[in-house]
């Protein structure tokens, strides 16, 4: 699968469609448990393992971020290449628009004869509302 896939590239199931809808409507990244609670109201037969299986199946359009509390949170993304400022209090994610690592990546690749396929940068702290 290519990194530039979108939602329409995936097999449509009721569970998968509802998970995607929940993530599209979310104002912040959600844990699998939060997604499960939002999905089960409409699809009561869904179990938590269904959420995890679908998160894995959708991994090319979902960014998984593990916070300092050890919990993974999920959000839809248009591309895999992401850089974010992450608030540890409210879990807000602020995207860094321009890649600050391009020159470093090129330098590391050349110095080490290493083909870098992708990278991700996450910086943790407190947003202006939580300070």
N, C-alpha and C. Protein backbone atom coordinates (compact mmCIF):
# COMPACT_ATOMS: atom_id res chain seq x y z
N UNK A 1 0.83 -1.17 0.00
CA UNK A 1 0.00 0.00 0.00
C UNK A 1 0.88 1.24 0.00
N UNK A 2 0.47 2.23 -0.71
CA UNK A 2 1.26 3.46 -0.75
C UNK A 2 0.93 4.34 0.44
N UNK A 3 1.87 5.23 0.76
CA UNK A 3 1.67 6.15 1.87
C UNK A 3 0.60 7.19 1.57
N UNK A 4 0.29 7.40 0.33
CA UNK A 4 -0.63 8.47 -0.04
C UNK A 4 -2.05 7.97 -0.29
N UNK A 5 -2.46 6.96 0.44
CA UNK A 5 -3.81 6.45 0.27
C UNK A 5 -4.80 7.36 0.95
N UNK A 6 -6.07 7.21 0.57
CA UNK A 6 -7.10 7.96 1.27
C UNK A 6 -8.21 7.01 1.68
N UNK A 7 -9.21 7.55 2.35
CA UNK A 7 -10.29 6.74 2.91
C UNK A 7 -10.98 5.89 1.86
N UNK A 8 -11.16 6.40 0.66
CA UNK A 8 -11.88 5.66 -0.37
C UNK A 8 -11.12 4.44 -0.89
N UNK A 9 -9.84 4.29 -0.51
CA UNK A 9 -9.05 3.15 -0.96
C UNK A 9 -9.30 1.88 -0.13
N UNK A 10 -10.09 1.96 0.92
CA UNK A 10 -10.29 0.83 1.82
C UNK A 10 -11.63 0.17 1.62
N UNK A 11 -11.65 -1.15 1.87
CA UNK A 11 -12.90 -1.91 1.80
C UNK A 11 -13.89 -1.30 2.80
N UNK A 12 -15.08 -1.07 2.33
CA UNK A 12 -16.10 -0.44 3.15
C UNK A 12 -16.83 -1.49 4.00
N UNK A 13 -16.80 -1.28 5.31
CA UNK A 13 -17.60 -2.09 6.23
C UNK A 13 -18.31 -1.12 7.16
N UNK A 14 -19.37 -1.57 7.80
CA UNK A 14 -20.10 -0.69 8.74
C UNK A 14 -19.17 -0.21 9.85
N UNK A 15 -18.39 -1.14 10.39
CA UNK A 15 -17.50 -0.79 11.49
C UNK A 15 -16.43 0.21 11.04
N UNK A 16 -15.81 -0.08 9.92
CA UNK A 16 -14.75 0.78 9.41
C UNK A 16 -15.28 2.18 9.08
N UNK A 17 -16.45 2.23 8.44
CA UNK A 17 -17.05 3.52 8.10
C UNK A 17 -17.36 4.34 9.35
N UNK A 18 -17.85 3.67 10.39
CA UNK A 18 -18.19 4.38 11.64
C UNK A 18 -16.91 4.87 12.33
N UNK A 19 -15.87 4.06 12.34
CA UNK A 19 -14.59 4.46 12.94
C UNK A 19 -14.04 5.69 12.22
N UNK A 20 -14.08 5.67 10.92
CA UNK A 20 -13.58 6.81 10.13
C UNK A 20 -14.42 8.04 10.42
N UNK A 21 -15.74 7.87 10.50
CA UNK A 21 -16.62 9.00 10.80
C UNK A 21 -16.30 9.58 12.18
N UNK A 22 -16.10 8.72 13.16
CA UNK A 22 -15.77 9.18 14.52
C UNK A 22 -14.47 9.96 14.51
N UNK A 23 -13.47 9.48 13.78
CA UNK A 23 -12.18 10.19 13.72
C UNK A 23 -12.30 11.50 12.95
N UNK A 24 -13.13 11.53 11.91
CA UNK A 24 -13.34 12.77 11.16
C UNK A 24 -14.03 13.82 12.03
N UNK A 25 -14.95 13.40 12.88
CA UNK A 25 -15.71 14.32 13.73
C UNK A 25 -14.94 14.75 14.98
N UNK A 26 -13.91 14.00 15.33
CA UNK A 26 -13.18 14.27 16.57
C UNK A 26 -12.40 15.58 16.49
N UNK A 27 -12.39 16.29 17.59
CA UNK A 27 -11.66 17.55 17.67
C UNK A 27 -10.22 17.33 18.17
N UNK A 28 -9.94 16.09 18.56
CA UNK A 28 -8.61 15.74 19.06
C UNK A 28 -8.38 14.25 18.80
N UNK A 29 -7.15 13.79 18.88
CA UNK A 29 -6.90 12.36 18.72
C UNK A 29 -7.60 11.56 19.83
N UNK A 30 -8.06 10.37 19.50
CA UNK A 30 -8.82 9.54 20.43
C UNK A 30 -8.10 8.23 20.71
N UNK A 31 -8.27 7.72 21.93
CA UNK A 31 -7.77 6.38 22.25
C UNK A 31 -8.71 5.35 21.62
N UNK A 32 -8.24 4.12 21.53
CA UNK A 32 -9.09 3.04 20.99
C UNK A 32 -10.34 2.87 21.86
N UNK A 33 -10.19 3.05 23.16
CA UNK A 33 -11.33 2.92 24.07
C UNK A 33 -12.37 4.02 23.81
N UNK A 34 -11.90 5.24 23.57
CA UNK A 34 -12.83 6.34 23.26
C UNK A 34 -13.55 6.08 21.94
N UNK A 35 -12.81 5.59 20.95
CA UNK A 35 -13.42 5.26 19.66
C UNK A 35 -14.47 4.17 19.86
N UNK A 36 -14.13 3.15 20.63
CA UNK A 36 -15.05 2.04 20.91
C UNK A 36 -16.35 2.55 21.54
N UNK A 37 -16.24 3.43 22.53
CA UNK A 37 -17.44 3.95 23.20
C UNK A 37 -18.33 4.75 22.25
N UNK A 38 -17.72 5.47 21.32
CA UNK A 38 -18.49 6.26 20.35
C UNK A 38 -19.11 5.38 19.26
N UNK A 39 -18.44 4.29 18.91
CA UNK A 39 -18.93 3.39 17.85
C UNK A 39 -20.02 2.47 18.38
N UNK A 40 -19.88 1.97 19.61
CA UNK A 40 -20.81 0.95 20.12
C UNK A 40 -22.23 1.45 20.31
N UNK A 41 -22.42 2.78 20.45
CA UNK A 41 -23.78 3.31 20.55
C UNK A 41 -24.59 2.99 19.29
N UNK A 42 -23.94 3.13 18.14
CA UNK A 42 -24.61 2.87 16.86
C UNK A 42 -24.49 1.41 16.43
N UNK A 43 -23.39 0.78 16.81
CA UNK A 43 -23.15 -0.62 16.44
C UNK A 43 -22.86 -1.43 17.70
N UNK A 44 -23.91 -1.82 18.44
CA UNK A 44 -23.73 -2.47 19.74
C UNK A 44 -22.99 -3.80 19.72
N UNK A 45 -22.91 -4.45 18.57
CA UNK A 45 -22.22 -5.74 18.51
C UNK A 45 -20.71 -5.60 18.38
N UNK A 46 -20.21 -4.37 18.21
CA UNK A 46 -18.78 -4.14 18.06
C UNK A 46 -18.07 -4.40 19.39
N UNK A 47 -16.91 -5.05 19.30
CA UNK A 47 -16.08 -5.29 20.48
C UNK A 47 -14.77 -4.51 20.30
N UNK A 48 -14.06 -4.31 21.39
CA UNK A 48 -12.84 -3.50 21.34
C UNK A 48 -11.80 -4.07 20.37
N UNK A 49 -11.74 -5.39 20.22
CA UNK A 49 -10.77 -5.98 19.29
C UNK A 49 -11.07 -5.58 17.85
N UNK A 50 -12.34 -5.33 17.55
CA UNK A 50 -12.72 -4.85 16.21
C UNK A 50 -12.09 -3.48 15.95
N UNK A 51 -12.08 -2.65 16.96
CA UNK A 51 -11.48 -1.32 16.84
C UNK A 51 -9.99 -1.46 16.54
N UNK A 52 -9.30 -2.27 17.32
CA UNK A 52 -7.86 -2.45 17.13
C UNK A 52 -7.54 -3.05 15.75
N UNK A 53 -8.31 -4.03 15.31
CA UNK A 53 -8.09 -4.62 13.98
C UNK A 53 -8.26 -3.59 12.88
N UNK A 54 -9.29 -2.78 13.00
CA UNK A 54 -9.53 -1.75 11.99
C UNK A 54 -8.49 -0.65 12.04
N UNK A 55 -8.00 -0.30 13.21
CA UNK A 55 -6.94 0.70 13.29
C UNK A 55 -5.70 0.19 12.57
N UNK A 56 -5.41 -1.07 12.70
CA UNK A 56 -4.27 -1.66 11.99
C UNK A 56 -4.52 -1.67 10.49
N UNK A 57 -5.74 -2.01 10.08
CA UNK A 57 -6.07 -2.04 8.65
C UNK A 57 -6.01 -0.65 8.03
N UNK A 58 -6.29 0.37 8.82
CA UNK A 58 -6.31 1.75 8.33
C UNK A 58 -5.02 2.51 8.62
N UNK A 59 -3.97 1.79 8.96
CA UNK A 59 -2.75 2.45 9.44
C UNK A 59 -2.11 3.42 8.45
N UNK A 60 -2.43 3.30 7.18
CA UNK A 60 -1.85 4.23 6.21
C UNK A 60 -2.59 5.56 6.12
N UNK A 61 -3.73 5.66 6.77
CA UNK A 61 -4.45 6.93 6.79
C UNK A 61 -4.68 7.43 8.22
N UNK A 62 -4.11 6.73 9.18
CA UNK A 62 -4.26 7.10 10.59
C UNK A 62 -2.89 7.31 11.20
N UNK A 63 -2.78 8.38 11.96
CA UNK A 63 -1.55 8.62 12.71
C UNK A 63 -1.78 8.11 14.13
N UNK A 64 -0.89 7.24 14.57
CA UNK A 64 -0.95 6.72 15.93
C UNK A 64 0.16 7.40 16.72
N UNK A 65 -0.21 8.04 17.83
CA UNK A 65 0.75 8.72 18.67
C UNK A 65 0.62 8.17 20.07
N UNK A 66 1.74 7.73 20.65
CA UNK A 66 1.73 7.25 22.02
C UNK A 66 2.19 8.39 22.93
N UNK A 67 1.31 8.79 23.81
CA UNK A 67 1.58 9.89 24.73
C UNK A 67 2.41 9.39 25.92
N UNK A 68 2.89 10.32 26.72
CA UNK A 68 3.70 9.97 27.89
C UNK A 68 2.93 9.15 28.90
N UNK A 69 1.59 9.17 28.84
CA UNK A 69 0.80 8.34 29.76
C UNK A 69 0.73 6.89 29.28
N UNK A 70 1.40 6.59 28.16
CA UNK A 70 1.45 5.23 27.63
C UNK A 70 0.27 4.87 26.74
N UNK A 71 -0.70 5.77 26.60
CA UNK A 71 -1.88 5.49 25.78
C UNK A 71 -1.67 5.96 24.36
N UNK A 72 -2.02 5.09 23.41
CA UNK A 72 -1.96 5.46 22.00
C UNK A 72 -3.23 6.21 21.66
N UNK A 73 -3.08 7.25 20.85
CA UNK A 73 -4.21 8.02 20.36
C UNK A 73 -4.14 8.06 18.85
N UNK A 74 -5.32 8.11 18.22
CA UNK A 74 -5.41 7.99 16.77
C UNK A 74 -6.11 9.20 16.16
N UNK A 75 -5.63 9.59 14.99
CA UNK A 75 -6.25 10.67 14.23
C UNK A 75 -6.08 10.37 12.75
N UNK A 76 -7.03 10.82 11.94
CA UNK A 76 -6.89 10.67 10.50
C UNK A 76 -5.84 11.64 9.99
N UNK A 77 -5.15 11.25 8.96
CA UNK A 77 -4.17 12.12 8.34
C UNK A 77 -4.29 12.02 6.84
N UNK A 78 -3.87 13.05 6.15
CA UNK A 78 -3.88 13.00 4.69
C UNK A 78 -2.58 12.42 4.17
N UNK A 79 -1.56 12.50 4.97
CA UNK A 79 -0.30 11.90 4.58
C UNK A 79 0.42 11.41 5.82
N UNK A 80 1.30 10.45 5.66
CA UNK A 80 2.00 9.82 6.77
C UNK A 80 3.06 10.73 7.38
N UNK A 81 3.65 11.58 6.60
CA UNK A 81 4.73 12.45 7.03
C UNK A 81 4.15 13.55 7.92
N UNK A 82 4.34 13.43 9.22
CA UNK A 82 3.75 14.39 10.15
C UNK A 82 4.78 14.89 11.16
N UNK A 83 4.56 16.11 11.59
CA UNK A 83 5.33 16.72 12.68
C UNK A 83 4.32 17.46 13.54
N UNK A 84 4.38 17.22 14.84
CA UNK A 84 3.34 17.76 15.70
C UNK A 84 3.87 18.27 17.02
N UNK A 85 3.19 19.29 17.54
CA UNK A 85 3.34 19.73 18.92
C UNK A 85 2.15 19.10 19.65
N UNK A 86 2.40 18.39 20.74
CA UNK A 86 1.35 17.64 21.42
C UNK A 86 1.21 18.11 22.86
N UNK A 87 0.01 18.58 23.22
CA UNK A 87 -0.25 19.03 24.58
C UNK A 87 -0.52 17.83 25.48
N UNK A 88 0.24 17.73 26.56
CA UNK A 88 0.10 16.60 27.47
C UNK A 88 -1.12 16.73 28.39
N UNK A 89 -1.69 17.93 28.49
CA UNK A 89 -2.87 18.10 29.35
C UNK A 89 -4.17 17.83 28.60
N UNK A 90 -4.38 18.53 27.48
CA UNK A 90 -5.66 18.40 26.76
C UNK A 90 -5.57 17.47 25.56
N UNK A 91 -4.39 16.97 25.23
CA UNK A 91 -4.10 16.06 24.11
C UNK A 91 -4.28 16.71 22.74
N UNK A 92 -4.36 18.04 22.71
CA UNK A 92 -4.46 18.74 21.42
C UNK A 92 -3.18 18.50 20.63
N UNK A 93 -3.33 18.32 19.33
CA UNK A 93 -2.18 18.18 18.44
C UNK A 93 -2.16 19.38 17.50
N UNK A 94 -1.02 20.06 17.47
CA UNK A 94 -0.84 21.20 16.57
C UNK A 94 0.17 20.77 15.51
N UNK A 95 -0.27 20.75 14.26
CA UNK A 95 0.60 20.32 13.17
C UNK A 95 1.66 21.38 12.90
N UNK A 96 2.89 20.92 12.68
CA UNK A 96 3.97 21.79 12.23
C UNK A 96 3.92 21.73 10.71
N UNK A 97 3.62 22.84 10.08
CA UNK A 97 3.37 22.87 8.65
C UNK A 97 4.59 22.54 7.79
N UNK A 98 5.70 23.19 8.04
CA UNK A 98 6.89 22.98 7.21
C UNK A 98 7.82 22.01 7.91
N UNK A 99 8.31 21.03 7.19
CA UNK A 99 9.18 20.02 7.76
C UNK A 99 10.50 20.65 8.21
N UNK A 100 10.78 20.62 9.52
CA UNK A 100 12.03 21.19 10.02
C UNK A 100 13.22 20.22 9.91
N UNK A 101 13.01 19.05 9.37
CA UNK A 101 14.05 18.03 9.34
C UNK A 101 14.61 17.72 7.96
N UNK A 102 14.18 18.42 6.94
CA UNK A 102 14.60 18.09 5.57
C UNK A 102 16.12 18.10 5.41
N UNK A 103 16.78 19.17 5.86
CA UNK A 103 18.25 19.27 5.71
C UNK A 103 18.94 18.21 6.55
N UNK A 104 18.47 18.00 7.77
CA UNK A 104 19.06 16.98 8.63
C UNK A 104 18.90 15.59 8.01
N UNK A 105 17.72 15.30 7.48
CA UNK A 105 17.47 14.01 6.85
C UNK A 105 18.42 13.78 5.67
N UNK A 106 18.57 14.79 4.83
CA UNK A 106 19.46 14.68 3.67
C UNK A 106 20.90 14.44 4.12
N UNK A 107 21.35 15.19 5.12
CA UNK A 107 22.70 15.05 5.65
C UNK A 107 22.94 13.66 6.23
N UNK A 108 22.01 13.18 7.04
CA UNK A 108 22.13 11.84 7.63
C UNK A 108 22.16 10.76 6.56
N UNK A 109 21.32 10.92 5.56
CA UNK A 109 21.25 9.94 4.48
C UNK A 109 22.58 9.87 3.73
N UNK A 110 23.13 11.03 3.40
CA UNK A 110 24.40 11.07 2.68
C UNK A 110 25.56 10.56 3.52
N UNK A 111 25.65 10.99 4.78
CA UNK A 111 26.76 10.59 5.66
C UNK A 111 26.77 9.09 5.95
N UNK A 112 25.61 8.49 5.99
CA UNK A 112 25.51 7.09 6.41
C UNK A 112 25.14 6.14 5.28
N UNK A 113 25.07 6.64 4.05
CA UNK A 113 24.62 5.83 2.92
C UNK A 113 23.36 5.07 3.29
N UNK A 114 22.38 5.81 3.78
CA UNK A 114 21.16 5.24 4.30
C UNK A 114 19.97 5.85 3.58
N UNK A 115 19.10 5.02 3.04
CA UNK A 115 17.90 5.51 2.37
C UNK A 115 16.80 5.70 3.41
N UNK A 116 16.47 6.94 3.70
CA UNK A 116 15.43 7.25 4.66
C UNK A 116 14.09 7.27 3.93
N UNK A 117 13.16 6.46 4.40
CA UNK A 117 11.85 6.35 3.75
C UNK A 117 10.82 7.31 4.34
N UNK A 118 10.91 7.55 5.62
CA UNK A 118 10.00 8.48 6.26
C UNK A 118 10.54 8.82 7.64
N UNK A 119 9.99 9.86 8.23
CA UNK A 119 10.33 10.22 9.59
C UNK A 119 9.12 10.90 10.23
N UNK A 120 9.19 11.06 11.54
CA UNK A 120 8.09 11.66 12.28
C UNK A 120 8.70 12.41 13.46
N UNK A 121 8.18 13.59 13.74
CA UNK A 121 8.66 14.39 14.85
C UNK A 121 7.49 14.75 15.74
N UNK A 122 7.64 14.49 17.04
CA UNK A 122 6.61 14.85 18.01
C UNK A 122 7.29 15.58 19.15
N UNK A 123 6.77 16.75 19.49
CA UNK A 123 7.30 17.54 20.58
C UNK A 123 6.18 17.69 21.61
N UNK A 124 6.48 17.33 22.87
CA UNK A 124 5.47 17.31 23.93
C UNK A 124 5.62 18.51 24.85
N UNK A 125 4.49 19.04 25.29
CA UNK A 125 4.50 20.17 26.21
C UNK A 125 3.09 20.57 26.54
N UNK A 126 2.88 21.88 26.76
CA UNK A 126 1.55 22.38 27.10
C UNK A 126 1.17 23.51 26.14
N UNK A 127 -0.05 23.43 25.61
CA UNK A 127 -0.53 24.46 24.68
C UNK A 127 -0.84 25.74 25.46
N UNK A 128 -1.12 26.80 24.73
CA UNK A 128 -1.38 28.11 25.37
C UNK A 128 -2.59 28.07 26.30
N UNK A 129 -3.58 27.22 26.00
CA UNK A 129 -4.77 27.13 26.86
C UNK A 129 -4.52 26.37 28.16
N UNK A 130 -3.51 25.51 28.16
CA UNK A 130 -3.24 24.66 29.33
C UNK A 130 -2.08 25.15 30.21
N UNK A 131 -1.36 26.13 29.74
CA UNK A 131 -0.23 26.64 30.54
C UNK A 131 -0.67 27.31 31.80
